[in-house]
PDB file of N, CA and C in Angstrom:
ATOM      1  N   MET A   1      17.642  20.070  13.411  1.00  0.00           N
ATOM      2  CA  MET A   1      17.013  19.715  12.145  1.00  0.00           C
ATOM      3  C   MET A   1      15.812  18.812  12.413  1.00  0.00           C
ATOM      4  N   ARG A   2      14.704  19.145  11.779  1.00  0.00           N
ATOM      5  CA  ARG A   2      13.486  18.353  11.906  1.00  0.00           C
ATOM      6  C   ARG A   2      13.552  17.125  11.017  1.00  0.00           C
ATOM      7  N   GLY A   3      12.844  16.104  11.450  1.00  0.00           N
ATOM      8  CA  GLY A   3      12.726  14.911  10.634  1.00  0.00           C
ATOM      9  C   GLY A   3      11.629  15.069   9.610  1.00  0.00           C
ATOM     10  N   PRO A   4      11.430  14.066   8.781  1.00  0.00           N
ATOM     11  CA  PRO A   4      10.374  14.141   7.769  1.00  0.00           C
ATOM     12  C   PRO A   4       8.993  14.174   8.419  1.00  0.00           C
ATOM     13  N   ARG A   5       8.065  14.829   7.729  1.00  0.00           N
ATOM     14  CA  ARG A   5       6.675  14.895   8.183  1.00  0.00           C
ATOM     15  C   ARG A   5       5.811  14.085   7.227  1.00  0.00           C
ATOM     16  N   LEU A   6       4.913  13.318   7.780  1.00  0.00           N
ATOM     17  CA  LEU A   6       4.022  12.480   6.978  1.00  0.00           C
ATOM     18  C   LEU A   6       3.183  13.309   6.016  1.00  0.00           C
ATOM     19  N   ASP A   7       2.840  14.527   6.403  1.00  0.00           N
ATOM     20  CA  ASP A   7       1.980  15.375   5.562  1.00  0.00           C
ATOM     21  C   ASP A   7       2.748  16.307   4.628  1.00  0.00           C
ATOM     22  N   ASP A   8       4.058  16.154   4.551  1.00  0.00           N
ATOM     23  CA  ASP A   8       4.876  16.995   3.670  1.00  0.00           C
ATOM     24  C   ASP A   8       4.555  16.668   2.206  1.00  0.00           C
ATOM     25  N   PRO A   9       4.057  17.641   1.430  1.00  0.00           N
ATOM     26  CA  PRO A   9       3.711  17.349   0.034  1.00  0.00           C
ATOM     27  C   PRO A   9       4.919  17.029  -0.840  1.00  0.00           C
ATOM     28  N   ASP A  10       6.109  17.399  -0.415  1.00  0.00           N
ATOM     29  CA  ASP A  10       7.326  17.146  -1.188  1.00  0.00           C
ATOM     30  C   ASP A  10       8.086  15.903  -0.735  1.00  0.00           C
ATOM     31  N   LEU A  11       7.530  15.161   0.204  1.00  0.00           N
ATOM     32  CA  LEU A  11       8.205  13.972   0.742  1.00  0.00           C
ATOM     33  C   LEU A  11       8.254  12.869  -0.316  1.00  0.00           C
ATOM     34  N   PRO A  12       9.447  12.451  -0.712  1.00  0.00           N
ATOM     35  CA  PRO A  12       9.549  11.354  -1.692  1.00  0.00           C
ATOM     36  C   PRO A  12       9.019  10.045  -1.096  1.00  0.00           C
ATOM     37  N   LEU A  13       8.416   9.234  -1.925  1.00  0.00           N
ATOM     38  CA  LEU A  13       7.865   7.971  -1.446  1.00  0.00           C
ATOM     39  C   LEU A  13       8.927   7.091  -0.790  1.00  0.00           C
ATOM     40  N   ARG A  14      10.123   7.068  -1.328  1.00  0.00           N
ATOM     41  CA  ARG A  14      11.179   6.236  -0.746  1.00  0.00           C
ATOM     42  C   ARG A  14      11.426   6.627   0.710  1.00  0.00           C
ATOM     43  N   LEU A  15      11.482   7.923   0.986  1.00  0.00           N
ATOM     44  CA  LEU A  15      11.676   8.381   2.361  1.00  0.00           C
ATOM     45  C   LEU A  15      10.451   8.056   3.218  1.00  0.00           C
ATOM     46  N   LEU A  16       9.270   8.171   2.632  1.00  0.00           N
ATOM     47  CA  LEU A  16       8.038   7.802   3.331  1.00  0.00           C
ATOM     48  C   LEU A  16       8.101   6.341   3.765  1.00  0.00           C
ATOM     49  N   PHE A  17       8.467   5.450   2.854  1.00  0.00           N
ATOM     50  CA  PHE A  17       8.554   4.021   3.164  1.00  0.00           C
ATOM     51  C   PHE A  17       9.664   3.724   4.167  1.00  0.00           C
ATOM     52  N   ASP A  18      10.776   4.439   4.057  1.00  0.00           N
ATOM     53  CA  ASP A  18      11.885   4.217   4.987  1.00  0.00           C
ATOM     54  C   ASP A  18      11.522   4.634   6.411  1.00  0.00           C
ATOM     55  N   ARG A  19      10.832   5.766   6.530  1.00  0.00           N
ATOM     56  CA  ARG A  19      10.505   6.318   7.855  1.00  0.00           C
ATOM     57  C   ARG A  19       9.300   5.630   8.477  1.00  0.00           C
ATOM     58  N   TRP A  20       8.292   5.327   7.660  1.00  0.00           N
ATOM     59  CA  TRP A  20       7.053   4.702   8.134  1.00  0.00           C
ATOM     60  C   TRP A  20       6.755   3.460   7.292  1.00  0.00           C
ATOM     61  N   PRO A  21       7.445   2.356   7.507  1.00  0.00           N
ATOM     62  CA  PRO A  21       7.243   1.165   6.666  1.00  0.00           C
ATOM     63  C   PRO A  21       5.812   0.619   6.722  1.00  0.00           C
ATOM     64  N   GLU A  22       5.089   0.933   7.787  1.00  0.00           N
ATOM     65  CA  GLU A  22       3.719   0.439   7.902  1.00  0.00           C
ATOM     66  C   GLU A  22       2.791   0.995   6.820  1.00  0.00           C
ATOM     67  N   VAL A  23       3.150   2.097   6.179  1.00  0.00           N
ATOM     68  CA  VAL A  23       2.281   2.661   5.130  1.00  0.00           C
ATOM     69  C   VAL A  23       2.284   1.813   3.866  1.00  0.00           C
ATOM     70  N   ALA A  24       3.246   0.935   3.723  1.00  0.00           N
ATOM     71  CA  ALA A  24       3.280   0.071   2.531  1.00  0.00           C
ATOM     72  C   ALA A  24       1.986  -0.729   2.410  1.00  0.00           C
ATOM     73  N   ALA A  25       1.389  -1.089   3.542  1.00  0.00           N
ATOM     74  CA  ALA A  25       0.130  -1.839   3.520  1.00  0.00           C
ATOM     75  C   ALA A  25      -0.990  -1.027   2.881  1.00  0.00           C
ATOM     76  N   VAL A  26      -0.981   0.288   3.066  1.00  0.00           N
ATOM     77  CA  VAL A  26      -1.997   1.152   2.455  1.00  0.00           C
ATOM     78  C   VAL A  26      -1.829   1.139   0.935  1.00  0.00           C
ATOM     79  N   PHE A  27      -0.601   1.204   0.478  1.00  0.00           N
ATOM     80  CA  PHE A  27      -0.330   1.163  -0.959  1.00  0.00           C
ATOM     81  C   PHE A  27      -0.749  -0.192  -1.542  1.00  0.00           C
ATOM     82  N   ARG A  28      -0.404  -1.261  -0.840  1.00  0.00           N
ATOM     83  CA  ARG A  28      -0.773  -2.601  -1.326  1.00  0.00           C
ATOM     84  C   ARG A  28      -2.287  -2.778  -1.364  1.00  0.00           C
ATOM     85  N   ALA A  29      -2.989  -2.246  -0.369  1.00  0.00           N
ATOM     86  CA  ALA A  29      -4.450  -2.375  -0.320  1.00  0.00           C
ATOM     87  C   ALA A  29      -5.111  -1.704  -1.523  1.00  0.00           C
ATOM     88  N   GLN A  30      -4.468  -0.692  -2.068  1.00  0.00           N
ATOM     89  CA  GLN A  30      -4.974   0.002  -3.255  1.00  0.00           C
ATOM     90  C   GLN A  30      -4.396  -0.578  -4.545  1.00  0.00           C
ATOM     91  N   ARG A  31      -3.633  -1.661  -4.417  1.00  0.00           N
ATOM     92  CA  ARG A  31      -2.985  -2.320  -5.561  1.00  0.00           C
ATOM     93  C   ARG A  31      -2.010  -1.385  -6.280  1.00  0.00           C
ATOM     94  N   MET A  32      -1.364  -0.546  -5.486  1.00  0.00           N
ATOM     95  CA  MET A  32      -0.361   0.379  -6.016  1.00  0.00           C
ATOM     96  C   MET A  32       0.997  -0.311  -5.991  1.00  0.00           C
ATOM     97  N   LEU A  33       1.781  -0.086  -6.991  1.00  0.00           N
ATOM     98  CA  LEU A  33       3.079  -0.750  -7.118  1.00  0.00           C
ATOM     99  C   LEU A  33       4.241   0.141  -6.683  1.00  0.00           C
ATOM    100  N   CYS A  34       3.949   1.172  -5.916  1.00  0.00           N
ATOM    101  CA  CYS A  34       4.963   2.164  -5.545  1.00  0.00           C
ATOM    102  C   CYS A  34       6.058   1.595  -4.641  1.00  0.00           C
ATOM    103  N   PHE A  35       5.688   0.710  -3.731  1.00  0.00           N
ATOM    104  CA  PHE A  35       6.668   0.133  -2.822  1.00  0.00           C
ATOM    105  C   PHE A  35       7.606  -0.755  -3.641  1.00  0.00           C
ATOM    106  N   GLY A  36       8.869  -0.392  -3.679  1.00  0.00           N
ATOM    107  CA  GLY A  36       9.849  -1.137  -4.469  1.00  0.00           C
ATOM    108  C   GLY A  36      10.033  -0.612  -5.886  1.00  0.00           C
ATOM    109  N   CYS A  37       9.267   0.380  -6.266  1.00  0.00           N
ATOM    110  CA  CYS A  37       9.381   0.952  -7.607  1.00  0.00           C
ATOM    111  C   CYS A  37      10.656   1.796  -7.717  1.00  0.00           C
ATOM    112  N   PRO A  38      11.369   1.706  -8.826  1.00  0.00           N
ATOM    113  CA  PRO A  38      12.586   2.506  -8.973  1.00  0.00           C
ATOM    114  C   PRO A  38      12.322   4.014  -9.052  1.00  0.00           C
ATOM    115  N   ILE A  39      11.080   4.425  -9.260  1.00  0.00           N
ATOM    116  CA  ILE A  39      10.737   5.845  -9.328  1.00  0.00           C
ATOM    117  C   ILE A  39      10.380   6.393  -7.945  1.00  0.00           C
ATOM    118  N   ALA A  40      10.216   5.537  -6.949  1.00  0.00           N
ATOM    119  CA  ALA A  40       9.809   5.974  -5.602  1.00  0.00           C
ATOM    120  C   ALA A  40      10.695   7.072  -5.007  1.00  0.00           C
ATOM    121  N   PRO A  41      11.992   7.121  -5.295  1.00  0.00           N
ATOM    122  CA  PRO A  41      12.782   8.223  -4.744  1.00  0.00           C
ATOM    123  C   PRO A  41      12.420   9.586  -5.336  1.00  0.00           C
ATOM    124  N   PHE A  42      11.687   9.590  -6.430  1.00  0.00           N
ATOM    125  CA  PHE A  42      11.376  10.832  -7.128  1.00  0.00           C
ATOM    126  C   PHE A  42       9.905  11.226  -7.039  1.00  0.00           C
ATOM    127  N   HIS A  43       9.016  10.263  -6.771  1.00  0.00           N
ATOM    128  CA  HIS A  43       7.585  10.543  -6.710  1.00  0.00           C
ATOM    129  C   HIS A  43       7.152  10.848  -5.286  1.00  0.00           C
ATOM    130  N   THR A  44       6.054  11.591  -5.196  1.00  0.00           N
ATOM    131  CA  THR A  44       5.454  11.942  -3.913  1.00  0.00           C
ATOM    132  C   THR A  44       4.069  11.290  -3.831  1.00  0.00           C
ATOM    133  N   VAL A  45       3.411  11.455  -2.700  1.00  0.00           N
ATOM    134  CA  VAL A  45       2.040  10.969  -2.559  1.00  0.00           C
ATOM    135  C   VAL A  45       1.142  11.646  -3.600  1.00  0.00           C
ATOM    136  N   ILE A  46       1.389  12.908  -3.848  1.00  0.00           N
ATOM    137  CA  ILE A  46       0.616  13.635  -4.869  1.00  0.00           C
ATOM    138  C   ILE A  46       0.742  12.930  -6.218  1.00  0.00           C
ATOM    139  N   ASP A  47       1.979  12.597  -6.605  1.00  0.00           N
ATOM    140  CA  ASP A  47       2.219  11.917  -7.884  1.00  0.00           C
ATOM    141  C   ASP A  47       1.536  10.555  -7.923  1.00  0.00           C
ATOM    142  N   ALA A  48       1.669   9.800  -6.840  1.00  0.00           N
ATOM    143  CA  ALA A  48       1.090   8.454  -6.797  1.00  0.00           C
ATOM    144  C   ALA A  48      -0.426   8.503  -6.885  1.00  0.00           C
ATOM    145  N   CYS A  49      -1.042   9.427  -6.160  1.00  0.00           N
ATOM    146  CA  CYS A  49      -2.502   9.550  -6.213  1.00  0.00           C
ATOM    147  C   CYS A  49      -2.961   9.955  -7.604  1.00  0.00           C
ATOM    148  N   ALA A  50      -2.232  10.835  -8.237  1.00  0.00           N
ATOM    149  CA  ALA A  50      -2.578  11.236  -9.605  1.00  0.00           C
ATOM    150  C   ALA A  50      -2.445  10.048 -10.562  1.00  0.00           C
ATOM    151  N   GLU A  51      -1.372   9.284 -10.415  1.00  0.00           N
ATOM    152  CA  GLU A  51      -1.122   8.136 -11.292  1.00  0.00           C
ATOM    153  C   GLU A  51      -2.212   7.069 -11.165  1.00  0.00           C
ATOM    154  N   TYR A  52      -2.709   6.876  -9.939  1.00  0.00           N
ATOM    155  CA  TYR A  52      -3.703   5.835  -9.682  1.00  0.00           C
ATOM    156  C   TYR A  52      -5.126   6.384  -9.553  1.00  0.00           C
ATOM    157  N   ALA A  53      -5.317   7.663  -9.862  1.00  0.00           N
ATOM    158  CA  ALA A  53      -6.631   8.320  -9.810  1.00  0.00           C
ATOM    159  C   ALA A  53      -7.314   8.140  -8.455  1.00  0.00           C
ATOM    160  N   LEU A  54      -6.564   8.390  -7.394  1.00  0.00           N
ATOM    161  CA  LEU A  54      -7.084   8.272  -6.037  1.00  0.00           C
ATOM    162  C   LEU A  54      -7.296   9.655  -5.431  1.00  0.00           C
ATOM    163  N   ASP A  55      -8.258   9.753  -4.537  1.00  0.00           N
ATOM    164  CA  ASP A  55      -8.484  10.988  -3.804  1.00  0.00           C
ATOM    165  C   ASP A  55      -7.327  11.166  -2.815  1.00  0.00           C
ATOM    166  N   GLU A  56      -6.568  12.237  -2.992  1.00  0.00           N
ATOM    167  CA  GLU A  56      -5.376  12.438  -2.176  1.00  0.00           C
ATOM    168  C   GLU A  56      -5.700  12.605  -0.696  1.00  0.00           C
ATOM    169  N   ALA A  57      -6.733  13.364  -0.377  1.00  0.00           N
ATOM    170  CA  ALA A  57      -7.084  13.593   1.033  1.00  0.00           C
ATOM    171  C   ALA A  57      -7.449  12.273   1.720  1.00  0.00           C
ATOM    172  N   ALA A  58      -8.243  11.444   1.045  1.00  0.00           N
ATOM    173  CA  ALA A  58      -8.630  10.158   1.619  1.00  0.00           C
ATOM    174  C   ALA A  58      -7.420   9.234   1.753  1.00  0.00           C
ATOM    175  N   PHE A  59      -6.542   9.269   0.763  1.00  0.00           N
ATOM    176  CA  PHE A  59      -5.362   8.420   0.810  1.00  0.00           C
ATOM    177  C   PHE A  59      -4.437   8.848   1.948  1.00  0.00           C
ATOM    178  N   ARG A  60      -4.243  10.150   2.095  1.00  0.00           N
ATOM    179  CA  ARG A  60      -3.404  10.654   3.195  1.00  0.00           C
ATOM    180  C   ARG A  60      -4.013  10.304   4.549  1.00  0.00           C
ATOM    181  N   ALA A  61      -5.330  10.328   4.641  1.00  0.00           N
ATOM    182  CA  ALA A  61      -5.992   9.928   5.891  1.00  0.00           C
ATOM    183  C   ALA A  61      -5.717   8.456   6.184  1.00  0.00           C
ATOM    184  N   ALA A  62      -5.724   7.626   5.152  1.00  0.00           N
ATOM    185  CA  ALA A  62      -5.417   6.200   5.336  1.00  0.00           C
ATOM    186  C   ALA A  62      -3.967   6.005   5.758  1.00  0.00           C
ATOM    187  N   LEU A  63      -3.052   6.797   5.205  1.00  0.00           N
ATOM    188  CA  LEU A  63      -1.649   6.719   5.616  1.00  0.00           C
ATOM    189  C   LEU A  63      -1.508   7.087   7.087  1.00  0.00           C
ATOM    190  N   ALA A  64      -2.144   8.176   7.488  1.00  0.00           N
ATOM    191  CA  ALA A  64      -2.073   8.623   8.882  1.00  0.00           C
ATOM    192  C   ALA A  64      -2.668   7.575   9.817  1.00  0.00           C
ATOM    193  N   ALA A  65      -3.764   6.956   9.396  1.00  0.00           N
ATOM    194  CA  ALA A  65      -4.382   5.911  10.215  1.00  0.00           C
ATOM    195  C   ALA A  65      -3.456   4.711  10.372  1.00  0.00           C
ATOM    196  N   ALA A  66      -2.779   4.339   9.286  1.00  0.00           N
ATOM    197  CA  ALA A  66      -1.851   3.207   9.347  1.00  0.00           C
ATOM    198  C   ALA A  66      -0.707   3.496  10.310  1.00  0.00           C
ATOM    199  N   VAL A  67      -0.193   4.710  10.266  1.00  0.00           N
ATOM    200  CA  VAL A  67       0.888   5.089  11.180  1.00  0.00           C
ATOM    201  C   VAL A  67       0.376   5.067  12.618  1.00  0.00           C
ATOM    202  N   ALA A  68      -0.807   5.622  12.840  1.00  0.00           N
ATOM    203  CA  ALA A  68      -1.374   5.667  14.188  1.00  0.00           C
ATOM    204  C   ALA A  68      -1.675   4.271  14.722  1.00  0.00           C
ATOM    205  N   GLN A  69      -2.047   3.367  13.840  1.00  0.00           N
ATOM    206  CA  GLN A  69      -2.379   1.991  14.244  1.00  0.00           C
ATOM    207  C   GLN A  69      -1.157   1.078  14.226  1.00  0.00           C
ATOM    208  N   GLY A  70      -0.010   1.616  13.935  1.00  0.00           N
ATOM    209  CA  GLY A  70       1.197   0.797  13.898  1.00  0.00           C
ATOM    210  C   GLY A  70       1.196  -0.198  12.764  1.00  0.00           C
ATOM    211  N   GLY A  71       0.531   0.126  11.659  1.00  0.00           N
ATOM    212  CA  GLY A  71       0.548  -0.728  10.483  1.00  0.00           C
ATOM    213  C   GLY A  71      -0.654  -1.651  10.370  1.00  0.00           C
ATOM    214  N   ARG A  72      -1.510  -1.694  11.385  1.00  0.00           N
ATOM    215  CA  ARG A  72      -2.698  -2.536  11.307  1.00  0.00           C
ATOM    216  C   ARG A  72      -3.782  -1.738  10.587  1.00  0.00           C
ATOM    217  N   LEU A  73      -4.140  -2.159   9.399  1.00  0.00           N
ATOM    218  CA  LEU A  73      -5.167  -1.455   8.624  1.00  0.00           C
ATOM    219  C   LEU A  73      -6.524  -1.654   9.280  1.00  0.00           C
ATOM    220  N   LEU A  74      -7.295  -0.596   9.261  1.00  0.00           N
ATOM    221  CA  LEU A  74      -8.660  -0.677   9.780  1.00  0.00           C
ATOM    222  C   LEU A  74      -9.525  -1.381   8.759  1.00  0.00           C
ATOM    223  N   ALA A  75     -10.331  -2.301   9.211  1.00  0.00           N
ATOM    224  CA  ALA A  75     -11.182  -3.074   8.291  1.00  0.00           C
ATOM    225  C   ALA A  75     -12.381  -2.276   7.843  1.00  0.00           C
TER     226      ALA A  75
END
């Protein structure tokens, strides 16, 4: 069985945060309240980007960068 993939469009935010906790910094940098939200087990990155009117491709690139940098956001 494969583990979760960062680019999976159906990946719930709760699983995203559990597997890659360093991405929480990307959400905080955008002033998103998803980390700790009771809806996080049901929402995806697609949902969050739609809710906050963010470009999904750019946001996913920031998530991937955070994972690659071990949680250190690029300035």
